[in-house]
N, C-alpha and C. Protein backbone atom coordinates (compact mmCIF):
# COMPACT_ATOMS: atom_id res chain seq x y z
N MET A 1 0.98 -1.35 0.05
CA MET A 1 0.04 -0.05 -0.01
C MET A 1 0.76 1.25 0.02
N LYS A 2 0.57 2.12 -0.90
CA LYS A 2 1.36 3.29 -1.03
C LYS A 2 0.62 4.61 -0.36
N LEU A 3 1.10 5.24 0.50
CA LEU A 3 0.52 6.34 1.23
C LEU A 3 1.21 7.61 0.82
N THR A 4 0.59 8.72 0.44
CA THR A 4 1.17 10.05 0.47
C THR A 4 0.20 11.03 1.00
N LEU A 5 0.73 11.91 1.94
CA LEU A 5 0.09 12.85 2.56
C LEU A 5 0.45 14.11 2.20
N ALA A 6 -0.54 14.75 1.76
CA ALA A 6 -0.22 16.29 1.23
C ALA A 6 -0.26 17.06 2.48
N PHE A 7 0.77 17.69 2.60
CA PHE A 7 1.41 18.32 3.96
C PHE A 7 1.72 19.87 3.63
N SER A 8 1.38 20.66 4.68
CA SER A 8 1.77 22.07 4.73
C SER A 8 2.28 22.49 5.97
N LEU A 9 3.43 23.26 6.20
CA LEU A 9 3.72 23.89 7.32
C LEU A 9 2.62 24.43 8.14
N GLY A 10 2.48 24.38 9.41
CA GLY A 10 1.68 25.00 10.45
C GLY A 10 0.12 24.77 10.29
N ALA A 11 -0.21 24.02 9.14
CA ALA A 11 -1.54 23.69 8.68
C ALA A 11 -2.15 22.19 9.50
N CYS A 12 -3.25 22.27 9.39
CA CYS A 12 -3.93 21.04 10.25
C CYS A 12 -3.42 19.60 9.62
N ALA A 13 -2.67 19.69 8.60
CA ALA A 13 -2.11 18.28 7.97
C ALA A 13 -1.21 17.86 8.98
N ILE A 14 -0.73 18.55 9.91
CA ILE A 14 0.26 17.97 10.96
C ILE A 14 -0.35 16.91 11.75
N VAL A 15 -1.87 16.95 11.66
CA VAL A 15 -2.67 16.06 12.65
C VAL A 15 -2.46 14.67 12.04
N PRO A 16 -2.79 14.40 10.69
CA PRO A 16 -2.70 13.04 10.17
C PRO A 16 -1.17 12.81 10.16
N TYR A 17 -0.21 13.62 10.01
CA TYR A 17 1.19 13.18 9.95
C TYR A 17 1.47 12.53 11.35
N ILE A 18 1.11 13.21 12.50
CA ILE A 18 1.21 12.58 13.81
C ILE A 18 0.68 11.21 13.82
N LEU A 19 -0.60 11.09 13.48
CA LEU A 19 -1.25 9.73 13.54
C LEU A 19 -0.58 8.76 12.64
N LEU A 20 -0.15 9.05 11.54
CA LEU A 20 0.56 8.02 10.66
C LEU A 20 1.76 7.57 11.32
N LYS A 21 2.45 8.52 12.14
CA LYS A 21 3.73 8.10 12.80
C LYS A 21 3.31 7.35 13.94
N GLU A 22 2.33 7.58 14.76
CA GLU A 22 1.68 6.77 15.78
C GLU A 22 1.42 5.20 15.32
N ALA A 23 0.96 5.29 14.23
CA ALA A 23 0.35 3.93 13.58
C ALA A 23 1.60 3.04 13.04
N GLY A 24 2.86 3.65 13.01
CA GLY A 24 3.93 3.00 12.36
C GLY A 24 3.82 2.93 10.83
N ALA A 25 2.90 3.70 10.28
CA ALA A 25 2.76 3.57 8.93
C ALA A 25 4.03 4.14 8.01
N ASP A 26 3.97 3.42 6.95
CA ASP A 26 5.16 3.79 5.86
C ASP A 26 4.51 4.83 4.92
N PHE A 27 4.91 6.14 4.94
CA PHE A 27 4.25 7.16 4.08
C PHE A 27 5.35 8.17 3.52
N GLN A 28 4.78 8.83 2.49
CA GLN A 28 5.76 9.91 2.25
C GLN A 28 4.75 11.21 2.26
N THR A 29 5.44 12.33 2.29
CA THR A 29 4.53 13.56 2.00
C THR A 29 4.62 14.24 0.72
N LEU A 30 3.74 15.00 0.28
CA LEU A 30 3.72 15.98 -0.84
C LEU A 30 3.66 17.36 0.02
N ASN A 31 4.87 17.82 -0.05
CA ASN A 31 4.90 19.28 0.57
C ASN A 31 4.30 20.44 -0.18
N VAL A 32 3.35 21.04 0.42
CA VAL A 32 2.56 22.01 -0.28
C VAL A 32 2.65 23.38 0.08
N ASN A 33 3.26 24.44 -0.47
CA ASN A 33 3.64 25.69 -0.08
C ASN A 33 2.26 26.51 -0.14
N LEU A 34 1.69 26.58 1.09
CA LEU A 34 0.41 27.35 0.91
C LEU A 34 0.71 28.91 0.72
N GLY A 35 1.80 29.31 1.10
CA GLY A 35 2.27 30.72 1.13
C GLY A 35 2.55 31.10 -0.35
N LYS A 36 2.71 30.34 -1.09
CA LYS A 36 2.87 30.42 -2.61
C LYS A 36 1.87 30.08 -3.47
N GLY A 37 0.79 29.75 -2.79
CA GLY A 37 -0.58 29.27 -3.53
C GLY A 37 -0.54 28.05 -4.23
N GLN A 38 0.44 27.09 -3.76
CA GLN A 38 0.51 25.87 -4.58
C GLN A 38 -0.77 25.02 -4.24
N ASN A 39 -1.50 25.19 -3.46
CA ASN A 39 -2.79 24.46 -3.17
C ASN A 39 -3.85 24.94 -4.06
N HIS A 40 -3.61 26.04 -4.92
CA HIS A 40 -4.69 26.59 -5.88
C HIS A 40 -4.14 26.06 -7.31
N GLN A 41 -2.98 25.57 -7.50
CA GLN A 41 -2.58 25.36 -8.74
C GLN A 41 -3.12 24.05 -9.36
N ALA A 42 -3.08 24.03 -10.64
CA ALA A 42 -3.70 22.88 -11.40
C ALA A 42 -3.34 21.41 -10.94
N ASP A 43 -2.09 21.45 -10.63
CA ASP A 43 -1.63 20.00 -10.37
C ASP A 43 -2.15 19.44 -9.00
N TYR A 44 -2.09 20.49 -8.00
CA TYR A 44 -2.77 20.01 -6.73
C TYR A 44 -4.24 19.91 -6.72
N LEU A 45 -4.91 20.61 -7.60
CA LEU A 45 -6.45 20.86 -7.75
C LEU A 45 -6.80 19.41 -8.28
N LYS A 46 -5.90 18.67 -9.01
CA LYS A 46 -6.33 17.32 -9.51
C LYS A 46 -6.29 16.40 -8.58
N ILE A 47 -5.59 16.70 -7.34
CA ILE A 47 -5.63 15.77 -6.32
C ILE A 47 -6.69 16.17 -5.28
N ASN A 48 -7.06 17.33 -4.94
CA ASN A 48 -7.93 17.74 -4.08
C ASN A 48 -8.60 18.99 -4.63
N PRO A 49 -9.68 18.81 -5.35
CA PRO A 49 -10.42 20.08 -5.93
C PRO A 49 -10.79 21.10 -5.01
N LYS A 50 -10.80 20.82 -3.93
CA LYS A 50 -11.10 21.79 -2.65
C LYS A 50 -9.98 22.72 -2.41
N GLY A 51 -8.80 22.48 -2.84
CA GLY A 51 -7.68 23.27 -2.70
C GLY A 51 -7.20 23.31 -1.26
N LYS A 52 -7.56 22.16 -0.55
CA LYS A 52 -7.16 22.29 1.01
C LYS A 52 -6.16 21.23 1.21
N VAL A 53 -5.40 21.27 2.30
CA VAL A 53 -4.59 20.18 2.84
C VAL A 53 -5.19 20.07 4.32
N PRO A 54 -5.24 18.69 4.84
CA PRO A 54 -4.46 17.61 4.28
C PRO A 54 -5.51 16.83 3.28
N ALA A 55 -4.71 15.94 2.42
CA ALA A 55 -5.42 14.83 1.70
C ALA A 55 -4.47 13.78 1.74
N LEU A 56 -5.04 12.65 1.91
CA LEU A 56 -4.31 11.31 2.08
C LEU A 56 -4.59 10.49 0.80
N ILE A 57 -3.60 10.24 0.10
CA ILE A 57 -3.59 9.48 -1.18
C ILE A 57 -3.24 8.00 -0.98
N VAL A 58 -4.27 7.09 -1.04
CA VAL A 58 -4.18 5.71 -0.70
C VAL A 58 -4.00 4.93 -2.05
N ASP A 59 -3.06 4.53 -2.46
CA ASP A 59 -3.06 3.76 -3.81
C ASP A 59 -3.65 4.53 -4.82
N GLY A 60 -3.60 5.89 -4.88
CA GLY A 60 -4.13 6.66 -6.01
C GLY A 60 -5.48 7.06 -5.49
N ARG A 61 -6.09 6.65 -4.51
CA ARG A 61 -7.51 7.09 -4.10
C ARG A 61 -7.27 8.06 -3.11
N VAL A 62 -7.89 9.19 -3.23
CA VAL A 62 -7.95 10.47 -2.22
C VAL A 62 -8.78 10.50 -1.27
N ILE A 63 -8.43 10.50 0.11
CA ILE A 63 -9.27 11.00 1.10
C ILE A 63 -9.06 12.29 1.61
N THR A 64 -10.07 13.18 1.74
CA THR A 64 -10.11 14.60 2.14
C THR A 64 -10.79 14.82 3.49
N GLU A 65 -10.60 15.69 4.25
CA GLU A 65 -10.99 16.06 5.48
C GLU A 65 -10.47 15.40 6.56
N ASN A 66 -10.13 16.10 7.47
CA ASN A 66 -9.18 15.47 8.65
C ASN A 66 -9.96 14.36 9.39
N VAL A 67 -11.35 14.53 9.75
CA VAL A 67 -11.94 13.44 10.51
C VAL A 67 -12.08 12.26 9.69
N ALA A 68 -12.24 12.22 8.41
CA ALA A 68 -12.35 11.02 7.58
C ALA A 68 -10.99 10.31 7.51
N ILE A 69 -9.81 11.30 7.38
CA ILE A 69 -8.64 10.61 7.24
C ILE A 69 -8.18 9.89 8.69
N HIS A 70 -8.65 10.70 9.80
CA HIS A 70 -8.25 9.98 10.99
C HIS A 70 -8.97 8.56 11.26
N VAL A 71 -10.24 8.71 11.00
CA VAL A 71 -10.91 7.17 11.08
C VAL A 71 -10.29 6.30 10.21
N TRP A 72 -9.94 6.62 9.02
CA TRP A 72 -9.36 5.56 7.95
C TRP A 72 -7.99 5.15 8.63
N ILE A 73 -7.28 6.00 9.13
CA ILE A 73 -5.86 5.63 9.76
C ILE A 73 -6.37 4.73 11.13
N ASP A 74 -7.20 4.99 11.82
CA ASP A 74 -7.52 4.07 12.92
C ASP A 74 -7.88 2.70 12.42
N ARG A 75 -8.76 2.68 11.42
CA ARG A 75 -9.24 1.50 10.90
C ARG A 75 -8.39 0.50 10.25
N GLN A 76 -7.39 1.21 9.36
CA GLN A 76 -6.31 0.52 8.69
C GLN A 76 -5.21 0.06 9.71
N PHE A 77 -5.07 0.75 10.88
CA PHE A 77 -4.00 0.33 11.55
C PHE A 77 -4.63 0.01 13.15
N PRO A 78 -5.58 -0.75 13.33
CA PRO A 78 -6.24 -0.94 14.58
C PRO A 78 -5.22 -1.14 15.81
N GLN A 79 -4.14 -1.81 15.48
CA GLN A 79 -3.21 -2.17 16.63
C GLN A 79 -2.68 -0.84 17.41
N ALA A 80 -2.80 0.23 16.63
CA ALA A 80 -2.18 1.63 17.27
C ALA A 80 -3.44 2.07 18.09
N GLY A 81 -4.49 1.60 18.24
CA GLY A 81 -5.62 2.14 19.25
C GLY A 81 -5.76 3.70 19.30
N LEU A 82 -5.80 4.08 17.91
CA LEU A 82 -5.91 5.59 18.01
C LEU A 82 -7.34 6.23 18.31
N MET A 83 -8.28 5.37 18.22
CA MET A 83 -9.73 5.70 18.59
C MET A 83 -10.15 4.70 19.97
N PRO A 84 -10.86 5.32 20.88
CA PRO A 84 -11.26 4.27 21.98
C PRO A 84 -12.04 3.20 21.47
N SER A 85 -11.83 2.11 22.18
CA SER A 85 -12.48 0.78 21.72
C SER A 85 -13.94 0.79 22.29
N ASP A 86 -14.22 1.43 23.39
CA ASP A 86 -15.57 1.58 23.89
C ASP A 86 -16.48 2.36 23.03
N PRO A 87 -17.62 1.76 22.67
CA PRO A 87 -18.43 2.51 21.62
C PRO A 87 -18.92 3.88 21.87
N MET A 88 -19.28 4.10 23.27
CA MET A 88 -19.59 5.49 23.64
C MET A 88 -18.43 6.45 23.51
N GLN A 89 -17.39 5.83 24.00
CA GLN A 89 -16.18 6.79 23.94
C GLN A 89 -15.71 7.06 22.53
N TYR A 90 -15.96 6.06 21.70
CA TYR A 90 -15.69 6.03 20.35
C TYR A 90 -16.35 7.33 19.71
N ILE A 91 -17.67 7.53 20.04
CA ILE A 91 -18.48 8.52 19.72
C ILE A 91 -18.11 9.73 20.24
N ASP A 92 -17.71 9.73 21.60
CA ASP A 92 -17.24 10.91 22.27
C ASP A 92 -15.93 11.50 21.51
N CYS A 93 -15.10 10.56 21.05
CA CYS A 93 -13.88 11.00 20.51
C CYS A 93 -14.18 11.53 19.08
N LEU A 94 -15.21 11.25 18.27
CA LEU A 94 -15.59 11.76 17.06
C LEU A 94 -16.17 13.17 17.19
N SER A 95 -16.97 13.26 18.48
CA SER A 95 -17.51 14.54 18.80
C SER A 95 -16.32 15.58 19.03
N VAL A 96 -15.18 15.36 19.71
CA VAL A 96 -14.07 16.13 19.98
C VAL A 96 -13.36 16.53 18.64
N LEU A 97 -13.23 15.33 17.83
CA LEU A 97 -12.54 15.64 16.59
C LEU A 97 -13.56 16.74 15.82
N GLY A 98 -14.85 16.59 15.76
CA GLY A 98 -15.78 17.41 14.93
C GLY A 98 -15.74 18.77 15.53
N TRP A 99 -15.54 18.92 17.02
CA TRP A 99 -15.45 20.37 17.63
C TRP A 99 -14.19 20.90 17.14
N CYS A 100 -13.05 20.14 17.18
CA CYS A 100 -11.76 20.79 16.65
C CYS A 100 -11.87 21.38 15.39
N GLY A 101 -12.75 20.56 14.53
CA GLY A 101 -12.66 21.05 13.03
C GLY A 101 -13.67 22.01 12.79
N SER A 102 -14.78 22.00 13.38
CA SER A 102 -15.84 23.10 13.22
C SER A 102 -16.05 24.16 14.14
N GLY A 103 -15.26 23.90 15.65
CA GLY A 103 -15.58 24.92 16.56
C GLY A 103 -14.61 25.76 16.79
N ILE A 104 -13.12 25.18 16.68
CA ILE A 104 -12.02 25.84 17.11
C ILE A 104 -11.32 26.46 15.79
N HIS A 105 -11.25 25.30 14.83
CA HIS A 105 -10.57 25.75 13.68
C HIS A 105 -10.97 26.95 12.96
N PRO A 106 -12.28 27.18 12.72
CA PRO A 106 -12.84 28.34 12.21
C PRO A 106 -12.30 29.65 12.91
N LYS A 107 -12.10 29.66 14.21
CA LYS A 107 -11.60 30.83 14.98
C LYS A 107 -10.31 31.13 14.61
N LEU A 108 -9.47 30.15 14.31
CA LEU A 108 -8.12 30.27 13.84
C LEU A 108 -7.94 30.84 12.53
N THR A 109 -8.71 30.35 11.51
CA THR A 109 -8.82 30.86 10.11
C THR A 109 -9.18 32.44 10.25
N GLN A 110 -10.17 32.80 11.25
CA GLN A 110 -10.68 33.95 11.30
C GLN A 110 -9.65 35.20 11.59
N GLN A 111 -8.49 34.64 12.46
CA GLN A 111 -7.44 35.48 12.78
C GLN A 111 -6.54 35.46 11.58
N ALA A 112 -6.11 34.42 11.01
CA ALA A 112 -5.19 34.34 10.07
C ALA A 112 -5.66 34.90 8.55
N ARG A 113 -7.10 34.73 8.24
CA ARG A 113 -7.55 35.34 7.10
C ARG A 113 -8.72 36.10 7.13
N PRO A 114 -8.70 37.19 7.86
CA PRO A 114 -9.90 38.05 8.22
C PRO A 114 -10.69 38.50 7.16
N GLU A 115 -10.00 38.55 5.84
CA GLU A 115 -10.75 38.95 4.76
C GLU A 115 -11.76 38.05 4.13
N ARG A 116 -11.64 36.78 4.61
CA ARG A 116 -12.83 35.78 4.13
C ARG A 116 -13.86 35.98 5.04
N TYR A 117 -13.89 36.66 6.26
CA TYR A 117 -15.08 36.79 7.11
C TYR A 117 -15.64 38.08 6.74
N CYS A 118 -14.96 39.24 6.33
CA CYS A 118 -15.39 40.52 6.20
C CYS A 118 -14.43 41.27 5.27
N ASP A 119 -14.83 41.92 4.18
CA ASP A 119 -14.03 42.69 3.29
C ASP A 119 -14.08 44.14 3.41
N LEU A 120 -15.00 44.59 4.35
CA LEU A 120 -15.16 45.93 4.56
C LEU A 120 -13.82 46.81 5.04
N PRO A 121 -13.57 47.98 4.61
CA PRO A 121 -12.44 48.53 4.74
C PRO A 121 -12.20 48.59 6.40
N ASP A 122 -10.92 48.48 6.74
CA ASP A 122 -10.67 48.59 8.14
C ASP A 122 -11.49 47.65 8.95
N SER A 123 -11.84 46.59 8.62
CA SER A 123 -12.60 45.65 9.44
C SER A 123 -11.65 44.44 9.92
N ALA A 124 -10.47 44.25 9.57
CA ALA A 124 -9.59 43.22 9.71
C ALA A 124 -9.35 43.12 11.26
N ASP A 125 -8.93 44.25 11.91
CA ASP A 125 -8.60 44.05 13.36
C ASP A 125 -9.72 43.67 14.23
N ARG A 126 -10.96 44.18 13.87
CA ARG A 126 -12.22 43.78 14.63
C ARG A 126 -12.39 42.28 14.35
N VAL A 127 -12.27 41.85 13.03
CA VAL A 127 -12.60 40.52 12.88
C VAL A 127 -11.69 39.64 13.48
N LYS A 128 -10.28 39.89 13.63
CA LYS A 128 -9.39 39.20 14.43
C LYS A 128 -9.49 39.21 15.76
N ALA A 129 -10.02 40.22 16.30
CA ALA A 129 -10.41 40.23 17.77
C ALA A 129 -11.47 39.23 18.15
N LEU A 130 -12.53 39.31 17.21
CA LEU A 130 -13.57 38.54 17.60
C LEU A 130 -13.44 36.91 17.41
N GLY A 131 -12.29 36.82 16.42
CA GLY A 131 -11.89 35.15 16.26
C GLY A 131 -11.05 34.86 17.47
N HIS A 132 -10.27 35.86 18.04
CA HIS A 132 -9.45 35.43 19.26
C HIS A 132 -10.40 35.27 20.44
N GLU A 133 -11.45 36.10 20.62
CA GLU A 133 -12.45 35.91 21.70
C GLU A 133 -13.04 34.57 21.49
N GLY A 134 -13.69 34.17 20.21
CA GLY A 134 -13.90 32.88 20.24
C GLY A 134 -13.23 31.65 20.43
N MET A 135 -11.90 31.88 20.03
CA MET A 135 -10.90 30.80 20.19
C MET A 135 -10.68 30.57 21.74
N VAL A 136 -10.62 31.72 22.51
CA VAL A 136 -10.42 31.51 23.99
C VAL A 136 -11.50 30.95 24.69
N GLU A 137 -12.85 31.13 24.31
CA GLU A 137 -14.01 30.42 24.55
C GLU A 137 -13.86 28.85 24.42
N GLN A 138 -13.32 28.36 23.37
CA GLN A 138 -13.10 27.08 23.09
C GLN A 138 -12.03 26.51 24.07
N TYR A 139 -11.04 27.29 24.21
CA TYR A 139 -9.87 26.85 25.11
C TYR A 139 -10.31 26.76 26.54
N GLU A 140 -11.20 27.57 27.02
CA GLU A 140 -11.89 27.39 28.25
C GLU A 140 -12.63 25.94 28.32
N LEU A 141 -13.35 25.77 27.36
CA LEU A 141 -14.00 24.31 27.33
C LEU A 141 -12.91 23.24 27.50
N ALA A 142 -11.86 23.35 26.70
CA ALA A 142 -10.84 22.22 26.67
C ALA A 142 -10.16 22.12 27.85
N GLU A 143 -9.90 23.31 28.60
CA GLU A 143 -9.40 23.32 29.94
C GLU A 143 -10.11 22.31 30.95
N LYS A 144 -11.45 22.66 30.96
CA LYS A 144 -12.36 21.73 31.74
C LYS A 144 -12.21 20.29 31.43
N LEU A 145 -12.25 19.92 30.00
CA LEU A 145 -12.16 18.57 29.52
C LEU A 145 -10.96 17.99 29.97
N LEU A 146 -9.83 18.71 29.97
CA LEU A 146 -8.50 18.20 30.32
C LEU A 146 -8.26 18.09 31.84
N ALA A 147 -8.98 18.66 32.55
CA ALA A 147 -8.83 18.77 34.10
C ALA A 147 -8.52 17.43 34.79
N GLY A 148 -7.34 17.17 35.36
CA GLY A 148 -7.05 16.03 36.08
C GLY A 148 -6.67 15.02 35.15
N LYS A 149 -6.43 15.12 33.98
CA LYS A 149 -6.16 14.18 32.86
C LYS A 149 -4.98 14.58 31.97
N ASN A 150 -4.30 13.31 31.68
CA ASN A 150 -3.17 13.46 30.68
C ASN A 150 -3.68 13.62 29.21
N TRP A 151 -4.78 12.93 28.98
CA TRP A 151 -5.33 12.92 27.50
C TRP A 151 -6.87 12.71 27.53
N PHE A 152 -7.40 13.09 26.54
CA PHE A 152 -8.91 13.11 26.53
C PHE A 152 -9.73 11.84 27.00
N PHE A 153 -9.16 10.77 26.70
CA PHE A 153 -9.99 9.49 26.81
C PHE A 153 -9.02 8.47 27.56
N ASN A 154 -9.60 7.95 28.54
CA ASN A 154 -9.02 6.71 29.09
C ASN A 154 -7.56 6.75 29.31
N GLU A 155 -6.85 7.95 29.67
CA GLU A 155 -5.65 7.94 30.05
C GLU A 155 -4.63 7.60 29.00
N ARG A 156 -5.19 7.60 27.69
CA ARG A 156 -4.57 6.91 26.61
C ARG A 156 -4.85 7.92 25.46
N PHE A 157 -3.49 8.18 24.77
CA PHE A 157 -3.51 8.99 23.52
C PHE A 157 -4.53 8.54 22.67
N SER A 158 -5.21 9.56 21.86
CA SER A 158 -6.18 9.31 20.85
C SER A 158 -6.07 10.33 19.69
N CYS A 159 -6.84 10.02 18.70
CA CYS A 159 -6.84 11.17 17.56
C CYS A 159 -7.21 12.54 18.07
N ALA A 160 -8.13 12.60 19.05
CA ALA A 160 -8.46 13.72 19.68
C ALA A 160 -7.46 14.47 20.23
N ASP A 161 -6.52 13.86 20.90
CA ASP A 161 -5.27 14.74 21.53
C ASP A 161 -4.60 15.28 20.31
N ALA A 162 -4.17 14.49 19.11
CA ALA A 162 -3.51 15.09 18.15
C ALA A 162 -4.13 16.24 17.30
N TYR A 163 -5.46 16.17 17.29
CA TYR A 163 -6.34 17.40 16.64
C TYR A 163 -6.14 18.51 17.51
N PHE A 164 -6.48 18.20 18.96
CA PHE A 164 -6.47 19.56 19.76
C PHE A 164 -5.14 19.97 19.90
N TYR A 165 -3.92 19.27 19.88
CA TYR A 165 -2.81 19.84 20.01
C TYR A 165 -2.33 20.83 18.78
N TRP A 166 -2.97 20.42 17.74
CA TRP A 166 -2.80 21.37 16.49
C TRP A 166 -3.53 22.89 16.76
N THR A 167 -4.63 22.58 17.26
CA THR A 167 -5.54 23.71 17.46
C THR A 167 -4.92 24.62 18.38
N PHE A 168 -4.37 24.03 19.54
CA PHE A 168 -3.73 24.93 20.49
C PHE A 168 -2.40 25.49 20.14
N ARG A 169 -1.64 24.48 19.53
CA ARG A 169 -0.27 25.33 18.96
C ARG A 169 -0.48 26.37 18.07
N ARG A 170 -1.38 26.17 17.21
CA ARG A 170 -1.80 27.22 16.14
C ARG A 170 -2.34 28.46 16.68
N GLY A 171 -3.30 28.31 17.66
CA GLY A 171 -3.65 29.43 18.29
C GLY A 171 -2.73 30.36 19.01
N ASP A 172 -1.64 29.61 19.63
CA ASP A 172 -0.58 30.36 20.29
C ASP A 172 0.20 31.14 19.41
N ALA A 173 0.13 30.98 18.10
CA ALA A 173 0.81 31.69 17.17
C ALA A 173 0.47 33.00 16.92
N PHE A 174 -0.81 33.32 17.35
CA PHE A 174 -1.53 34.39 17.07
C PHE A 174 -1.15 35.54 18.10
N GLY A 175 -0.41 35.24 19.10
CA GLY A 175 -0.06 36.17 20.14
C GLY A 175 -1.32 35.98 21.34
N GLY A 176 -1.32 36.89 22.25
CA GLY A 176 -2.09 36.92 23.32
C GLY A 176 -1.61 36.13 24.44
N ASP A 177 -2.20 36.35 25.46
CA ASP A 177 -1.63 35.63 26.71
C ASP A 177 -2.59 34.29 26.99
N LEU A 178 -1.90 33.12 26.67
CA LEU A 178 -2.88 31.91 27.00
C LEU A 178 -2.22 31.20 28.22
N SER A 179 -1.55 31.77 29.01
CA SER A 179 -0.91 31.11 30.23
C SER A 179 -1.78 30.62 31.03
N ARG A 180 -3.01 31.07 31.13
CA ARG A 180 -3.93 30.68 32.19
C ARG A 180 -4.40 29.28 31.79
N PHE A 181 -4.28 28.81 30.80
CA PHE A 181 -4.73 27.49 30.26
C PHE A 181 -3.76 26.45 30.51
N LYS A 182 -3.60 26.25 31.77
CA LYS A 182 -2.57 25.40 32.43
C LYS A 182 -2.73 23.94 31.85
N ASN A 183 -3.88 23.57 31.85
CA ASN A 183 -4.16 22.06 31.41
C ASN A 183 -3.83 21.84 29.88
N CYS A 184 -4.26 22.92 29.09
CA CYS A 184 -3.85 23.01 27.60
C CYS A 184 -2.53 22.99 27.47
N ILE A 185 -1.73 23.75 28.23
CA ILE A 185 -0.25 24.00 27.92
C ILE A 185 0.34 22.48 28.40
N ALA A 186 -0.05 22.01 29.55
CA ALA A 186 0.66 20.61 30.10
C ALA A 186 0.39 19.56 28.92
N HIS A 187 -0.88 19.59 28.29
CA HIS A 187 -1.23 18.73 27.19
C HIS A 187 -0.23 18.80 26.07
N ARG A 188 -0.13 20.13 25.49
CA ARG A 188 0.98 20.39 24.61
C ARG A 188 2.41 19.85 24.88
N GLN A 189 2.77 20.12 26.04
CA GLN A 189 4.01 19.55 26.48
C GLN A 189 4.26 18.18 26.49
N ARG A 190 3.03 17.39 27.06
CA ARG A 190 3.22 15.95 26.82
C ARG A 190 3.18 15.47 25.41
N MET A 191 2.44 16.23 24.49
CA MET A 191 2.34 15.79 23.07
C MET A 191 3.79 15.90 22.43
N GLU A 192 4.43 17.06 22.81
CA GLU A 192 5.71 17.29 22.18
C GLU A 192 6.81 16.38 22.92
N GLN A 193 6.54 15.64 23.81
CA GLN A 193 7.32 14.58 24.24
C GLN A 193 7.39 13.17 23.53
N ARG A 194 6.20 13.13 22.62
CA ARG A 194 5.99 11.81 21.97
C ARG A 194 6.86 11.82 20.72
N PRO A 195 7.30 10.49 20.50
CA PRO A 195 8.15 10.30 19.32
C PRO A 195 7.49 10.67 18.10
N SER A 196 6.13 10.60 17.78
CA SER A 196 5.66 11.04 16.69
C SER A 196 5.66 12.59 16.50
N VAL A 197 5.54 13.29 17.55
CA VAL A 197 5.32 14.69 17.45
C VAL A 197 7.01 15.19 17.19
N GLN A 198 7.87 14.61 17.89
CA GLN A 198 9.39 14.86 17.60
C GLN A 198 9.51 14.68 16.14
N ALA A 199 8.97 13.57 15.55
CA ALA A 199 9.43 13.26 14.17
C ALA A 199 8.59 14.54 13.36
N LEU A 200 7.31 14.93 13.64
CA LEU A 200 6.84 16.04 13.06
C LEU A 200 7.69 17.22 13.02
N LEU A 201 8.17 17.61 14.35
CA LEU A 201 8.96 18.85 14.45
C LEU A 201 10.09 18.79 13.52
N ALA A 202 10.84 17.58 13.40
CA ALA A 202 11.93 17.54 12.61
C ALA A 202 11.76 17.60 11.17
N HIS A 203 10.34 17.06 10.77
CA HIS A 203 10.00 17.11 9.43
C HIS A 203 9.67 18.45 8.90
N GLU A 204 9.04 19.20 9.77
CA GLU A 204 8.81 20.76 9.57
C GLU A 204 10.04 21.63 9.35
N GLU A 205 11.28 21.14 10.13
CA GLU A 205 12.41 22.02 9.87
C GLU A 205 12.99 21.49 8.46
N GLN A 206 12.87 20.34 7.87
CA GLN A 206 13.30 19.93 6.85
C GLN A 206 12.35 20.63 5.57
N VAL A 207 11.20 20.70 5.78
CA VAL A 207 10.32 21.37 4.79
C VAL A 207 10.72 22.79 4.77
N LYS A 208 10.90 23.40 5.92
CA LYS A 208 11.33 24.78 5.88
C LYS A 208 12.65 25.17 5.09
N ALA A 209 13.45 24.17 5.24
CA ALA A 209 14.78 24.28 4.41
C ALA A 209 14.50 24.16 2.80
N GLU A 210 13.40 23.20 2.61
CA GLU A 210 13.20 22.82 1.29
C GLU A 210 12.63 23.97 0.54
N PHE A 211 11.65 24.72 1.42
CA PHE A 211 10.94 25.92 0.76
C PHE A 211 12.12 26.90 0.59
N ALA A 212 12.90 27.19 1.49
CA ALA A 212 13.67 28.16 1.60
C ALA A 212 14.77 27.99 0.35
N ARG A 213 15.19 26.96 -0.07
CA ARG A 213 16.03 26.79 -1.11
C ARG A 213 15.26 26.87 -2.60
N ALA A 214 13.93 26.60 -2.44
CA ALA A 214 13.17 26.80 -3.81
C ALA A 214 12.66 28.33 -3.96
N ALA A 215 12.97 29.12 -2.96
CA ALA A 215 12.55 30.65 -2.99
C ALA A 215 13.53 31.23 -4.10
């Protein structure tokens, strides 16, 4: 089986990268430079007409959308235990994945690309501020969910941990004081001790160098 992950620096494509590493999968990456708009070029649109990352290419078949990719990885590599085995906790984990994707992620995009939310003159700062407020509200919920726990479910790492890790790391990049979110910070620190995330961080440095050489 040949696996190729469409990957971009800083984007939510880091989540399936972590999960593939956790699963021990043999895969390669197609490194897409979002800053140069490569996701909107014809070659990439043939892979994913949505013009988004991630996309996971499985023997030529393309899977898009993070939640679908996560579930596929879990089912293809069940020995990794990336989703809870208990049926209700499985559903709860899907709920966290959906929340990361539809509850937190849009608040990040609102800060990164305010023009997508309002194109009126001089509106960008207010759009960003509202995005930040909404993001903080979501982190407050996460802070409660992680209270007294190392991971979201069963004291065992799951897909939910990988997705939330990205949302919190990405949010931290926009500035603002997030120091009160002690549980979220501790979760990020635990994540960054995992070999899968160490591999991700090393890969990101390699991709940065690759893009710099191509500039």
